Amino acid sequence: MRHVTIGEISQLRAQAGELYAEFLRVPAMSAGLYELAVGAEDSQEPHTEDELYYVVAGRAVLLVGAEDVAVAAGSLVFVPANVVHRFHDVTEALSVLVVFAPAEYSQRTAEAVG
């Protein structure tokens, strides 16, 4: 078992100077916290794994494929593997719990990595 709080993960993420901090990894899934400041640009690329976003705090718009969806605290959005997606129009600092299944990058091929 592992127990952490969103606050602890956020602090570790900030100390590392990264937008994303993974806190759980097992073969079947991984999870992390993704945070964007107001007006920040989200430059993520499609992932080879399915993703579930749970917005802990903030407001933004999430582009998934060709569809925009407004998200705020309490929003849950499923993003299928290999679909273009990114947050934009971040109007309140965004804190998002991200769950990948299976674990992030576990489905990438050697060609995709190199």
PDB file of N, CA and C in Angstrom:
ATOM      1  N   MET A   1       0.826  -1.177   0.000  1.00  0.00           N
ATOM      2  CA  MET A   1       0.000   0.000   0.000  1.00  0.00           C
ATOM      3  C   MET A   1       0.873   1.245   0.000  1.00  0.00           C
ATOM      4  N   ARG A   2       0.366   2.283  -0.633  1.00  0.00           N
ATOM      5  CA  ARG A   2       1.046   3.578  -0.618  1.00  0.00           C
ATOM      6  C   ARG A   2       0.005   4.648  -0.395  1.00  0.00           C
ATOM      7  N   HIS A   3       0.264   5.562   0.527  1.00  0.00           N
ATOM      8  CA  HIS A   3      -0.665   6.636   0.829  1.00  0.00           C
ATOM      9  C   HIS A   3       0.054   7.967   0.667  1.00  0.00           C
ATOM     10  N   VAL A   4      -0.473   8.839  -0.159  1.00  0.00           N
ATOM     11  CA  VAL A   4       0.054  10.186  -0.343  1.00  0.00           C
ATOM     12  C   VAL A   4      -1.124  11.140  -0.466  1.00  0.00           C
ATOM     13  N   THR A   5      -0.836  12.435  -0.342  1.00  0.00           N
ATOM     14  CA  THR A   5      -1.866  13.439  -0.552  1.00  0.00           C
ATOM     15  C   THR A   5      -1.540  14.231  -1.816  1.00  0.00           C
ATOM     16  N   ILE A   6      -2.561  14.847  -2.364  1.00  0.00           N
ATOM     17  CA  ILE A   6      -2.352  15.695  -3.542  1.00  0.00           C
ATOM     18  C   ILE A   6      -1.360  16.802  -3.195  1.00  0.00           C
ATOM     19  N   GLY A   7      -1.461  17.353  -1.992  1.00  0.00           N
ATOM     20  CA  GLY A   7      -0.538  18.406  -1.567  1.00  0.00           C
ATOM     21  C   GLY A   7       0.911  17.946  -1.558  1.00  0.00           C
ATOM     22  N   GLU A   8       1.149  16.736  -1.075  1.00  0.00           N
ATOM     23  CA  GLU A   8       2.516  16.196  -1.050  1.00  0.00           C
ATOM     24  C   GLU A   8       3.058  16.008  -2.465  1.00  0.00           C
ATOM     25  N   ILE A   9       2.222  15.479  -3.339  1.00  0.00           N
ATOM     26  CA  ILE A   9       2.663  15.259  -4.721  1.00  0.00           C
ATOM     27  C   ILE A   9       2.920  16.594  -5.407  1.00  0.00           C
ATOM     28  N   SER A  10       2.050  17.559  -5.182  1.00  0.00           N
ATOM     29  CA  SER A  10       2.218  18.886  -5.772  1.00  0.00           C
ATOM     30  C   SER A  10       3.528  19.518  -5.332  1.00  0.00           C
ATOM     31  N   GLN A  11       3.849  19.376  -4.050  1.00  0.00           N
ATOM     32  CA  GLN A  11       5.096  19.932  -3.529  1.00  0.00           C
ATOM     33  C   GLN A  11       6.314  19.260  -4.174  1.00  0.00           C
ATOM     34  N   LEU A  12       6.294  17.946  -4.291  1.00  0.00           N
ATOM     35  CA  LEU A  12       7.403  17.226  -4.934  1.00  0.00           C
ATOM     36  C   LEU A  12       7.535  17.627  -6.405  1.00  0.00           C
ATOM     37  N   ARG A  13       6.400  17.774  -7.083  1.00  0.00           N
ATOM     38  CA  ARG A  13       6.407  18.179  -8.481  1.00  0.00           C
ATOM     39  C   ARG A  13       7.031  19.558  -8.629  1.00  0.00           C
ATOM     40  N   ALA A  14       6.623  20.490  -7.782  1.00  0.00           N
ATOM     41  CA  ALA A  14       7.164  21.853  -7.845  1.00  0.00           C
ATOM     42  C   ALA A  14       8.660  21.873  -7.551  1.00  0.00           C
ATOM     43  N   GLN A  15       9.091  21.102  -6.562  1.00  0.00           N
ATOM     44  CA  GLN A  15      10.515  21.039  -6.218  1.00  0.00           C
ATOM     45  C   GLN A  15      11.342  20.495  -7.379  1.00  0.00           C
ATOM     46  N   ALA A  16      10.765  19.569  -8.146  1.00  0.00           N
ATOM     47  CA  ALA A  16      11.468  18.991  -9.290  1.00  0.00           C
ATOM     48  C   ALA A  16      11.451  19.927 -10.500  1.00  0.00           C
ATOM     49  N   GLY A  17      10.601  20.951 -10.462  1.00  0.00           N
ATOM     50  CA  GLY A  17      10.532  21.890 -11.582  1.00  0.00           C
ATOM     51  C   GLY A  17       9.859  21.311 -12.812  1.00  0.00           C
ATOM     52  N   GLU A  18       9.016  20.324 -12.624  1.00  0.00           N
ATOM     53  CA  GLU A  18       8.322  19.663 -13.728  1.00  0.00           C
ATOM     54  C   GLU A  18       6.826  19.961 -13.656  1.00  0.00           C
ATOM     55  N   LEU A  19       6.119  19.748 -14.761  1.00  0.00           N
ATOM     56  CA  LEU A  19       4.668  19.911 -14.778  1.00  0.00           C
ATOM     57  C   LEU A  19       3.950  18.660 -14.284  1.00  0.00           C
ATOM     58  N   TYR A  20       4.630  17.509 -14.348  1.00  0.00           N
ATOM     59  CA  TYR A  20       4.018  16.223 -14.020  1.00  0.00           C
ATOM     60  C   TYR A  20       4.906  15.471 -13.041  1.00  0.00           C
ATOM     61  N   ALA A  21       4.275  14.875 -12.037  1.00  0.00           N
ATOM     62  CA  ALA A  21       5.003  14.028 -11.086  1.00  0.00           C
ATOM     63  C   ALA A  21       4.248  12.715 -10.935  1.00  0.00           C
ATOM     64  N   GLU A  22       4.898  11.634 -11.325  1.00  0.00           N
ATOM     65  CA  GLU A  22       4.312  10.300 -11.149  1.00  0.00           C
ATOM     66  C   GLU A  22       4.477   9.871  -9.696  1.00  0.00           C
ATOM     67  N   PHE A  23       3.429   9.282  -9.123  1.00  0.00           N
ATOM     68  CA  PHE A  23       3.529   8.801  -7.753  1.00  0.00           C
ATOM     69  C   PHE A  23       3.182   7.327  -7.612  1.00  0.00           C
ATOM     70  N   LEU A  24       2.738   6.699  -8.703  1.00  0.00           N
ATOM     71  CA  LEU A  24       2.391   5.283  -8.652  1.00  0.00           C
ATOM     72  C   LEU A  24       2.719   4.647  -9.997  1.00  0.00           C
ATOM     73  N   ARG A  25       3.360   3.482  -9.946  1.00  0.00           N
ATOM     74  CA  ARG A  25       3.635   2.737 -11.182  1.00  0.00           C
ATOM     75  C   ARG A  25       3.619   1.257 -10.868  1.00  0.00           C
ATOM     76  N   VAL A  26       2.704   0.548 -11.506  1.00  0.00           N
ATOM     77  CA  VAL A  26       2.653  -0.902 -11.531  1.00  0.00           C
ATOM     78  C   VAL A  26       2.401  -1.263 -12.985  1.00  0.00           C
ATOM     79  N   PRO A  27       2.612  -2.480 -13.413  1.00  0.00           N
ATOM     80  CA  PRO A  27       2.437  -2.794 -14.835  1.00  0.00           C
ATOM     81  C   PRO A  27       1.065  -2.435 -15.403  1.00  0.00           C
ATOM     82  N   ALA A  28       0.015  -2.604 -14.625  1.00  0.00           N
ATOM     83  CA  ALA A  28      -1.331  -2.390 -15.142  1.00  0.00           C
ATOM     84  C   ALA A  28      -1.748  -0.925 -15.216  1.00  0.00           C
ATOM     85  N   MET A  29      -1.039  -0.043 -14.467  1.00  0.00           N
ATOM     86  CA  MET A  29      -1.401   1.370 -14.479  1.00  0.00           C
ATOM     87  C   MET A  29      -0.316   2.210 -13.843  1.00  0.00           C
ATOM     88  N   SER A  30      -0.390   3.511 -14.120  1.00  0.00           N
ATOM     89  CA  SER A  30       0.454   4.473 -13.416  1.00  0.00           C
ATOM     90  C   SER A  30      -0.395   5.704 -13.166  1.00  0.00           C
ATOM     91  N   ALA A  31       0.038   6.515 -12.202  1.00  0.00           N
ATOM     92  CA  ALA A  31      -0.727   7.709 -11.858  1.00  0.00           C
ATOM     93  C   ALA A  31       0.220   8.823 -11.466  1.00  0.00           C
ATOM     94  N   GLY A  32      -0.231  10.040 -11.739  1.00  0.00           N
ATOM     95  CA  GLY A  32       0.570  11.196 -11.404  1.00  0.00           C
ATOM     96  C   GLY A  32      -0.280  12.432 -11.306  1.00  0.00           C
ATOM     97  N   LEU A  33       0.374  13.533 -10.976  1.00  0.00           N
ATOM     98  CA  LEU A  33      -0.284  14.821 -10.859  1.00  0.00           C
ATOM     99  C   LEU A  33       0.302  15.751 -11.905  1.00  0.00           C
ATOM    100  N   TYR A  34      -0.578  16.370 -12.681  1.00  0.00           N
ATOM    101  CA  TYR A  34      -0.198  17.305 -13.741  1.00  0.00           C
ATOM    102  C   TYR A  34      -0.746  18.664 -13.355  1.00  0.00           C
ATOM    103  N   GLU A  35       0.117  19.694 -13.355  1.00  0.00           N
ATOM    104  CA  GLU A  35      -0.327  21.017 -12.957  1.00  0.00           C
ATOM    105  C   GLU A  35       0.121  22.061 -13.967  1.00  0.00           C
ATOM    106  N   LEU A  36      -0.809  22.959 -14.283  1.00  0.00           N
ATOM    107  CA  LEU A  36      -0.550  24.052 -15.213  1.00  0.00           C
ATOM    108  C   LEU A  36      -0.988  25.362 -14.575  1.00  0.00           C
ATOM    109  N   ALA A  37      -0.159  26.380 -14.706  1.00  0.00           N
ATOM    110  CA  ALA A  37      -0.493  27.712 -14.199  1.00  0.00           C
ATOM    111  C   ALA A  37      -1.471  28.392 -15.154  1.00  0.00           C
ATOM    112  N   VAL A  38      -2.097  29.441 -14.678  1.00  0.00           N
ATOM    113  CA  VAL A  38      -2.993  30.227 -15.523  1.00  0.00           C
ATOM    114  C   VAL A  38      -2.231  30.674 -16.770  1.00  0.00           C
ATOM    115  N   GLY A  39      -2.826  30.452 -17.933  1.00  0.00           N
ATOM    116  CA  GLY A  39      -2.227  30.857 -19.197  1.00  0.00           C
ATOM    117  C   GLY A  39      -1.127  29.949 -19.717  1.00  0.00           C
ATOM    118  N   ALA A  40      -0.786  28.901 -18.990  1.00  0.00           N
ATOM    119  CA  ALA A  40       0.306  28.006 -19.403  1.00  0.00           C
ATOM    120  C   ALA A  40      -0.060  27.258 -20.682  1.00  0.00           C
ATOM    121  N   GLU A  41       0.980  26.859 -21.408  1.00  0.00           N
ATOM    122  CA  GLU A  41       0.798  26.076 -22.626  1.00  0.00           C
ATOM    123  C   GLU A  41       1.057  24.609 -22.330  1.00  0.00           C
ATOM    124  N   ASP A  42       0.149  23.761 -22.766  1.00  0.00           N
ATOM    125  CA  ASP A  42       0.254  22.312 -22.584  1.00  0.00           C
ATOM    126  C   ASP A  42       0.791  21.736 -23.889  1.00  0.00           C
ATOM    127  N   SER A  43       1.994  21.213 -23.857  1.00  0.00           N
ATOM    128  CA  SER A  43       2.627  20.727 -25.089  1.00  0.00           C
ATOM    129  C   SER A  43       2.680  19.207 -25.158  1.00  0.00           C
ATOM    130  N   GLN A  44       1.833  18.524 -24.395  1.00  0.00           N
ATOM    131  CA  GLN A  44       1.894  17.060 -24.398  1.00  0.00           C
ATOM    132  C   GLN A  44       1.495  16.477 -25.746  1.00  0.00           C
ATOM    133  N   GLU A  45       2.016  15.320 -26.014  1.00  0.00           N
ATOM    134  CA  GLU A  45       1.735  14.557 -27.230  1.00  0.00           C
ATOM    135  C   GLU A  45       0.824  13.389 -26.875  1.00  0.00           C
ATOM    136  N   PRO A  46       0.161  12.803 -27.871  1.00  0.00           N
ATOM    137  CA  PRO A  46      -0.685  11.630 -27.580  1.00  0.00           C
ATOM    138  C   PRO A  46       0.125  10.524 -26.898  1.00  0.00           C
ATOM    139  N   HIS A  47      -0.522   9.811 -26.014  1.00  0.00           N
ATOM    140  CA  HIS A  47       0.110   8.699 -25.308  1.00  0.00           C
ATOM    141  C   HIS A  47      -0.356   7.384 -25.914  1.00  0.00           C
ATOM    142  N   THR A  48       0.437   6.358 -25.736  1.00  0.00           N
ATOM    143  CA  THR A  48       0.103   5.032 -26.268  1.00  0.00           C
ATOM    144  C   THR A  48      -0.770   4.233 -25.306  1.00  0.00           C
ATOM    145  N   GLU A  49      -1.175   4.858 -24.206  1.00  0.00           N
ATOM    146  CA  GLU A  49      -2.025   4.199 -23.216  1.00  0.00           C
ATOM    147  C   GLU A  49      -3.296   5.026 -23.009  1.00  0.00           C
ATOM    148  N   ASP A  50      -4.364   4.364 -22.580  1.00  0.00           N
ATOM    149  CA  ASP A  50      -5.582   5.078 -22.208  1.00  0.00           C
ATOM    150  C   ASP A  50      -5.279   5.945 -20.988  1.00  0.00           C
ATOM    151  N   GLU A  51      -6.018   7.068 -20.873  1.00  0.00           N
ATOM    152  CA  GLU A  51      -5.813   7.996 -19.768  1.00  0.00           C
ATOM    153  C   GLU A  51      -7.149   8.403 -19.165  1.00  0.00           C
ATOM    154  N   LEU A  52      -7.139   8.603 -17.875  1.00  0.00           N
ATOM    155  CA  LEU A  52      -8.287   9.172 -17.185  1.00  0.00           C
ATOM    156  C   LEU A  52      -7.790  10.397 -16.444  1.00  0.00           C
ATOM    157  N   TYR A  53      -8.430  11.536 -16.715  1.00  0.00           N
ATOM    158  CA  TYR A  53      -8.116  12.789 -16.026  1.00  0.00           C
ATOM    159  C   TYR A  53      -9.195  13.065 -14.983  1.00  0.00           C
ATOM    160  N   TYR A  54      -8.779  13.413 -13.776  1.00  0.00           N
ATOM    161  CA  TYR A  54      -9.693  13.900 -12.743  1.00  0.00           C
ATOM    162  C   TYR A  54      -9.180  15.277 -12.332  1.00  0.00           C
ATOM    163  N   VAL A  55      -9.974  16.308 -12.584  1.00  0.00           N
ATOM    164  CA  VAL A  55      -9.559  17.660 -12.254  1.00  0.00           C
ATOM    165  C   VAL A  55      -9.803  17.898 -10.760  1.00  0.00           C
ATOM    166  N   VAL A  56      -8.703  18.092 -10.043  1.00  0.00           N
ATOM    167  CA  VAL A  56      -8.751  18.324  -8.601  1.00  0.00           C
ATOM    168  C   VAL A  56      -9.082  19.789  -8.321  1.00  0.00           C
ATOM    169  N   ALA A  57      -8.491  20.695  -9.109  1.00  0.00           N
ATOM    170  CA  ALA A  57      -8.701  22.132  -8.929  1.00  0.00           C
ATOM    171  C   ALA A  57      -8.435  22.843 -10.246  1.00  0.00           C
ATOM    172  N   GLY A  58      -9.038  24.008 -10.391  1.00  0.00           N
ATOM    173  CA  GLY A  58      -8.773  24.854 -11.543  1.00  0.00           C
ATOM    174  C   GLY A  58      -9.847  24.791 -12.614  1.00  0.00           C
ATOM    175  N   ARG A  59      -9.595  25.566 -13.674  1.00  0.00           N
ATOM    176  CA  ARG A  59     -10.506  25.628 -14.824  1.00  0.00           C
ATOM    177  C   ARG A  59      -9.688  25.764 -16.091  1.00  0.00           C
ATOM    178  N   ALA A  60     -10.133  25.038 -17.121  1.00  0.00           N
ATOM    179  CA  ALA A  60      -9.467  25.095 -18.426  1.00  0.00           C
ATOM    180  C   ALA A  60     -10.398  24.468 -19.453  1.00  0.00           C
ATOM    181  N   VAL A  61      -9.911  24.395 -20.667  1.00  0.00           N
ATOM    182  CA  VAL A  61     -10.591  23.674 -21.730  1.00  0.00           C
ATOM    183  C   VAL A  61      -9.651  22.553 -22.147  1.00  0.00           C
ATOM    184  N   LEU A  62     -10.206  21.363 -22.352  1.00  0.00           N
ATOM    185  CA  LEU A  62      -9.420  20.210 -22.787  1.00  0.00           C
ATOM    186  C   LEU A  62      -9.851  19.838 -24.197  1.00  0.00           C
ATOM    187  N   LEU A  63      -8.903  19.881 -25.109  1.00  0.00           N
ATOM    188  CA  LEU A  63      -9.134  19.413 -26.474  1.00  0.00           C
ATOM    189  C   LEU A  63      -8.870  17.919 -26.500  1.00  0.00           C
ATOM    190  N   VAL A  64      -9.844  17.139 -26.971  1.00  0.00           N
ATOM    191  CA  VAL A  64      -9.688  15.693 -27.138  1.00  0.00           C
ATOM    192  C   VAL A  64     -10.118  15.379 -28.555  1.00  0.00           C
ATOM    193  N   GLY A  65      -9.154  14.998 -29.393  1.00  0.00           N
ATOM    194  CA  GLY A  65      -9.455  14.817 -30.812  1.00  0.00           C
ATOM    195  C   GLY A  65      -9.814  16.167 -31.401  1.00  0.00           C
ATOM    196  N   ALA A  66     -11.031  16.309 -31.899  1.00  0.00           N
ATOM    197  CA  ALA A  66     -11.498  17.578 -32.472  1.00  0.00           C
ATOM    198  C   ALA A  66     -12.514  18.261 -31.569  1.00  0.00           C
ATOM    199  N   GLU A  67     -12.686  17.749 -30.335  1.00  0.00           N
ATOM    200  CA  GLU A  67     -13.725  18.254 -29.442  1.00  0.00           C
ATOM    201  C   GLU A  67     -13.124  18.957 -28.233  1.00  0.00           C
ATOM    202  N   ASP A  68     -13.639  20.141 -27.926  1.00  0.00           N
ATOM    203  CA  ASP A  68     -13.260  20.872 -26.724  1.00  0.00           C
ATOM    204  C   ASP A  68     -14.274  20.605 -25.627  1.00  0.00           C
ATOM    205  N   VAL A  69     -13.792  20.441 -24.406  1.00  0.00           N
ATOM    206  CA  VAL A  69     -14.679  20.278 -23.258  1.00  0.00           C
ATOM    207  C   VAL A  69     -14.146  21.165 -22.126  1.00  0.00           C
ATOM    208  N   ALA A  70     -15.039  21.977 -21.542  1.00  0.00           N
ATOM    209  CA  ALA A  70     -14.658  22.798 -20.396  1.00  0.00           C
ATOM    210  C   ALA A  70     -14.521  21.873 -19.189  1.00  0.00           C
ATOM    211  N   VAL A  71     -13.431  22.049 -18.438  1.00  0.00           N
ATOM    212  CA  VAL A  71     -13.208  21.232 -17.252  1.00  0.00           C
ATOM    213  C   VAL A  71     -12.989  22.126 -16.040  1.00  0.00           C
ATOM    214  N   ALA A  72     -13.405  21.619 -14.890  1.00  0.00           N
ATOM    215  CA  ALA A  72     -13.237  22.305 -13.605  1.00  0.00           C
ATOM    216  C   ALA A  72     -13.150  21.233 -12.531  1.00  0.00           C
ATOM    217  N   ALA A  73     -12.917  21.655 -11.312  1.00  0.00           N
ATOM    218  CA  ALA A  73     -12.815  20.710 -10.204  1.00  0.00           C
ATOM    219  C   ALA A  73     -13.981  19.730 -10.235  1.00  0.00           C
ATOM    220  N   GLY A  74     -13.655  18.440 -10.165  1.00  0.00           N
ATOM    221  CA  GLY A  74     -14.660  17.383 -10.204  1.00  0.00           C
ATOM    222  C   GLY A  74     -14.864  16.768 -11.569  1.00  0.00           C
ATOM    223  N   SER A  75     -14.328  17.380 -12.636  1.00  0.00           N
ATOM    224  CA  SER A  75     -14.479  16.819 -13.984  1.00  0.00           C
ATOM    225  C   SER A  75     -13.668  15.546 -14.134  1.00  0.00           C
ATOM    226  N   LEU A  76     -14.252  14.571 -14.812  1.00  0.00           N
ATOM    227  CA  LEU A  76     -13.578  13.328 -15.191  1.00  0.00           C
ATOM    228  C   LEU A  76     -13.635  13.218 -16.703  1.00  0.00           C
ATOM    229  N   VAL A  77     -12.486  13.001 -17.338  1.00  0.00           N
ATOM    230  CA  VAL A  77     -12.447  12.870 -18.795  1.00  0.00           C
ATOM    231  C   VAL A  77     -11.581  11.673 -19.156  1.00  0.00           C
ATOM    232  N   PHE A  78     -12.134  10.789 -19.980  1.00  0.00           N
ATOM    233  CA  PHE A  78     -11.386   9.643 -20.507  1.00  0.00           C
ATOM    234  C   PHE A  78     -10.811  10.030 -21.861  1.00  0.00           C
ATOM    235  N   VAL A  79      -9.521   9.761 -22.058  1.00  0.00           N
ATOM    236  CA  VAL A  79      -8.851  10.012 -23.336  1.00  0.00           C
ATOM    237  C   VAL A  79      -8.287   8.680 -23.829  1.00  0.00           C
ATOM    238  N   PRO A  80      -8.809   8.165 -24.950  1.00  0.00           N
ATOM    239  CA  PRO A  80      -8.291   6.902 -25.475  1.00  0.00           C
ATOM    240  C   PRO A  80      -6.838   7.038 -25.935  1.00  0.00           C
ATOM    241  N   ALA A  81      -6.143   5.939 -25.943  1.00  0.00           N
ATOM    242  CA  ALA A  81      -4.752   5.898 -26.403  1.00  0.00           C
ATOM    243  C   ALA A  81      -4.641   6.482 -27.802  1.00  0.00           C
ATOM    244  N   ASN A  82      -3.540   7.180 -28.046  1.00  0.00           N
ATOM    245  CA  ASN A  82      -3.158   7.716 -29.348  1.00  0.00           C
ATOM    246  C   ASN A  82      -4.043   8.842 -29.875  1.00  0.00           C
ATOM    247  N   VAL A  83      -4.887   9.427 -29.038  1.00  0.00           N
ATOM    248  CA  VAL A  83      -5.736  10.543 -29.452  1.00  0.00           C
ATOM    249  C   VAL A  83      -5.061  11.851 -29.040  1.00  0.00           C
ATOM    250  N   VAL A  84      -5.006  12.802 -29.963  1.00  0.00           N
ATOM    251  CA  VAL A  84      -4.443  14.120 -29.671  1.00  0.00           C
ATOM    252  C   VAL A  84      -5.276  14.772 -28.573  1.00  0.00           C
ATOM    253  N   HIS A  85      -4.605  15.334 -27.578  1.00  0.00           N
ATOM    254  CA  HIS A  85      -5.300  16.024 -26.495  1.00  0.00           C
ATOM    255  C   HIS A  85      -4.352  16.994 -25.816  1.00  0.00           C
ATOM    256  N   ARG A  86      -4.923  18.094 -25.334  1.00  0.00           N
ATOM    257  CA  ARG A  86      -4.132  19.074 -24.579  1.00  0.00           C
ATOM    258  C   ARG A  86      -5.070  20.060 -23.908  1.00  0.00           C
ATOM    259  N   PHE A  87      -4.604  20.581 -22.785  1.00  0.00           N
ATOM    260  CA  PHE A  87      -5.346  21.616 -22.078  1.00  0.00           C
ATOM    261  C   PHE A  87      -5.001  22.966 -22.694  1.00  0.00           C
ATOM    262  N   HIS A  88      -5.994  23.849 -22.743  1.00  0.00           N
ATOM    263  CA  HIS A  88      -5.746  25.226 -23.183  1.00  0.00           C
ATOM    264  C   HIS A  88      -6.722  26.135 -22.450  1.00  0.00           C
ATOM    265  N   ASP A  89      -6.543  27.433 -22.642  1.00  0.00           N
ATOM    266  CA  ASP A  89      -7.388  28.422 -21.958  1.00  0.00           C
ATOM    267  C   ASP A  89      -7.486  28.134 -20.460  1.00  0.00           C
ATOM    268  N   VAL A  90      -6.330  27.981 -19.827  1.00  0.00           N
ATOM    269  CA  VAL A  90      -6.281  27.736 -18.387  1.00  0.00           C
ATOM    270  C   VAL A  90      -6.565  29.060 -17.679  1.00  0.00           C
ATOM    271  N   THR A  91      -7.749  29.170 -17.082  1.00  0.00           N
ATOM    272  CA  THR A  91      -8.159  30.421 -16.427  1.00  0.00           C
ATOM    273  C   THR A  91      -8.005  30.387 -14.913  1.00  0.00           C
ATOM    274  N   GLU A  92      -7.872  29.195 -14.344  1.00  0.00           N
ATOM    275  CA  GLU A  92      -7.548  29.016 -12.925  1.00  0.00           C
ATOM    276  C   GLU A  92      -6.500  27.917 -12.856  1.00  0.00           C
ATOM    277  N   ALA A  93      -5.487  28.087 -12.015  1.00  0.00           N
ATOM    278  CA  ALA A  93      -4.412  27.103 -11.908  1.00  0.00           C
ATOM    279  C   ALA A  93      -4.992  25.695 -11.855  1.00  0.00           C
ATOM    280  N   LEU A  94      -4.482  24.839 -12.725  1.00  0.00           N
ATOM    281  CA  LEU A  94      -5.041  23.511 -12.946  1.00  0.00           C
ATOM    282  C   LEU A  94      -4.214  22.448 -12.234  1.00  0.00           C
ATOM    283  N   SER A  95      -4.902  21.578 -11.514  1.00  0.00           N
ATOM    284  CA  SER A  95      -4.288  20.443 -10.839  1.00  0.00           C
ATOM    285  C   SER A  95      -5.090  19.213 -11.238  1.00  0.00           C
ATOM    286  N   VAL A  96      -4.438  18.287 -11.936  1.00  0.00           N
ATOM    287  CA  VAL A  96      -5.147  17.154 -12.537  1.00  0.00           C
ATOM    288  C   VAL A  96      -4.491  15.843 -12.133  1.00  0.00           C
ATOM    289  N   LEU A  97      -5.294  14.950 -11.568  1.00  0.00           N
ATOM    290  CA  LEU A  97      -4.852  13.594 -11.294  1.00  0.00           C
ATOM    291  C   LEU A  97      -4.965  12.812 -12.596  1.00  0.00           C
ATOM    292  N   VAL A  98      -3.879  12.173 -13.004  1.00  0.00           N
ATOM    293  CA  VAL A  98      -3.832  11.450 -14.271  1.00  0.00           C
ATOM    294  C   VAL A  98      -3.580   9.973 -13.996  1.00  0.00           C
ATOM    295  N   VAL A  99      -4.424   9.109 -14.564  1.00  0.00           N
ATOM    296  CA  VAL A  99      -4.239   7.664 -14.430  1.00  0.00           C
ATOM    297  C   VAL A  99      -4.079   7.077 -15.823  1.00  0.00           C
ATOM    298  N   PHE A 100      -2.988   6.372 -16.043  1.00  0.00           N
ATOM    299  CA  PHE A 100      -2.727   5.683 -17.309  1.00  0.00           C
ATOM    300  C   PHE A 100      -2.968   4.194 -17.120  1.00  0.00           C
ATOM    301  N   ALA A 101      -3.551   3.555 -18.136  1.00  0.00           N
ATOM    302  CA  ALA A 101      -3.730   2.103 -18.084  1.00  0.00           C
ATOM    303  C   ALA A 101      -3.496   1.528 -19.482  1.00  0.00           C
ATOM    304  N   PRO A 102      -2.541   0.608 -19.620  1.00  0.00           N
ATOM    305  CA  PRO A 102      -1.547   0.227 -18.615  1.00  0.00           C
ATOM    306  C   PRO A 102      -0.611   1.394 -18.315  1.00  0.00           C
ATOM    307  N   ALA A 103       0.460   1.140 -17.568  1.00  0.00           N
ATOM    308  CA  ALA A 103       1.360   2.202 -17.120  1.00  0.00           C
ATOM    309  C   ALA A 103       1.866   3.043 -18.289  1.00  0.00           C
ATOM    310  N   GLU A 104       2.032   4.354 -18.026  1.00  0.00           N
ATOM    311  CA  GLU A 104       2.479   5.301 -19.056  1.00  0.00           C
ATOM    312  C   GLU A 104       3.744   4.797 -19.752  1.00  0.00           C
ATOM    313  N   TYR A 105       3.745   4.910 -21.045  1.00  0.00           N
ATOM    314  CA  TYR A 105       4.850   4.530 -21.944  1.00  0.00           C
ATOM    315  C   TYR A 105       5.073   3.032 -22.064  1.00  0.00           C
ATOM    316  N   SER A 106       4.303   2.216 -21.387  1.00  0.00           N
ATOM    317  CA  SER A 106       4.521   0.769 -21.443  1.00  0.00           C
ATOM    318  C   SER A 106       4.150   0.173 -22.797  1.00  0.00           C
ATOM    319  N   GLN A 107       3.352   0.883 -23.600  1.00  0.00           N
ATOM    320  CA  GLN A 107       2.936   0.366 -24.901  1.00  0.00           C
ATOM    321  C   GLN A 107       3.749   0.939 -26.062  1.00  0.00           C
ATOM    322  N   ARG A 108       4.712   1.827 -25.757  1.00  0.00           N
ATOM    323  CA  ARG A 108       5.548   2.390 -26.822  1.00  0.00           C
ATOM    324  C   ARG A 108       6.435   1.310 -27.401  1.00  0.00           C
ATOM    325  N   THR A 109       6.652   1.386 -28.692  1.00  0.00           N
ATOM    326  CA  THR A 109       7.586   0.470 -29.333  1.00  0.00           C
ATOM    327  C   THR A 109       8.980   1.064 -29.283  1.00  0.00           C
ATOM    328  N   ALA A 110       9.978   0.250 -29.491  1.00  0.00           N
ATOM    329  CA  ALA A 110      11.364   0.730 -29.482  1.00  0.00           C
ATOM    330  C   ALA A 110      11.573   1.795 -30.551  1.00  0.00           C
ATOM    331  N   GLU A 111      10.882   1.681 -31.679  1.00  0.00           N
ATOM    332  CA  GLU A 111      11.031   2.660 -32.765  1.00  0.00           C
ATOM    333  C   GLU A 111      10.488   4.019 -32.328  1.00  0.00           C
ATOM    334  N   ALA A 112       9.395   4.035 -31.564  1.00  0.00           N
ATOM    335  CA  ALA A 112       8.777   5.271 -31.129  1.00  0.00           C
ATOM    336  C   ALA A 112       9.650   6.005 -30.108  1.00  0.00           C
ATOM    337  N   VAL A 113      10.424   5.266 -29.332  1.00  0.00           N
ATOM    338  CA  VAL A 113      11.281   5.851 -28.310  1.00  0.00           C
ATOM    339  C   VAL A 113      12.474   6.539 -28.932  1.00  0.00           C
ATOM    340  N   GLY A 114      13.080   5.901 -29.922  1.00  0.00           N
ATOM    341  CA  GLY A 114      14.338   6.346 -30.463  1.00  0.00           C
ATOM    342  C   GLY A 114      14.277   7.425 -31.425  1.00  0.00           C
TER     343      GLY A 114
END
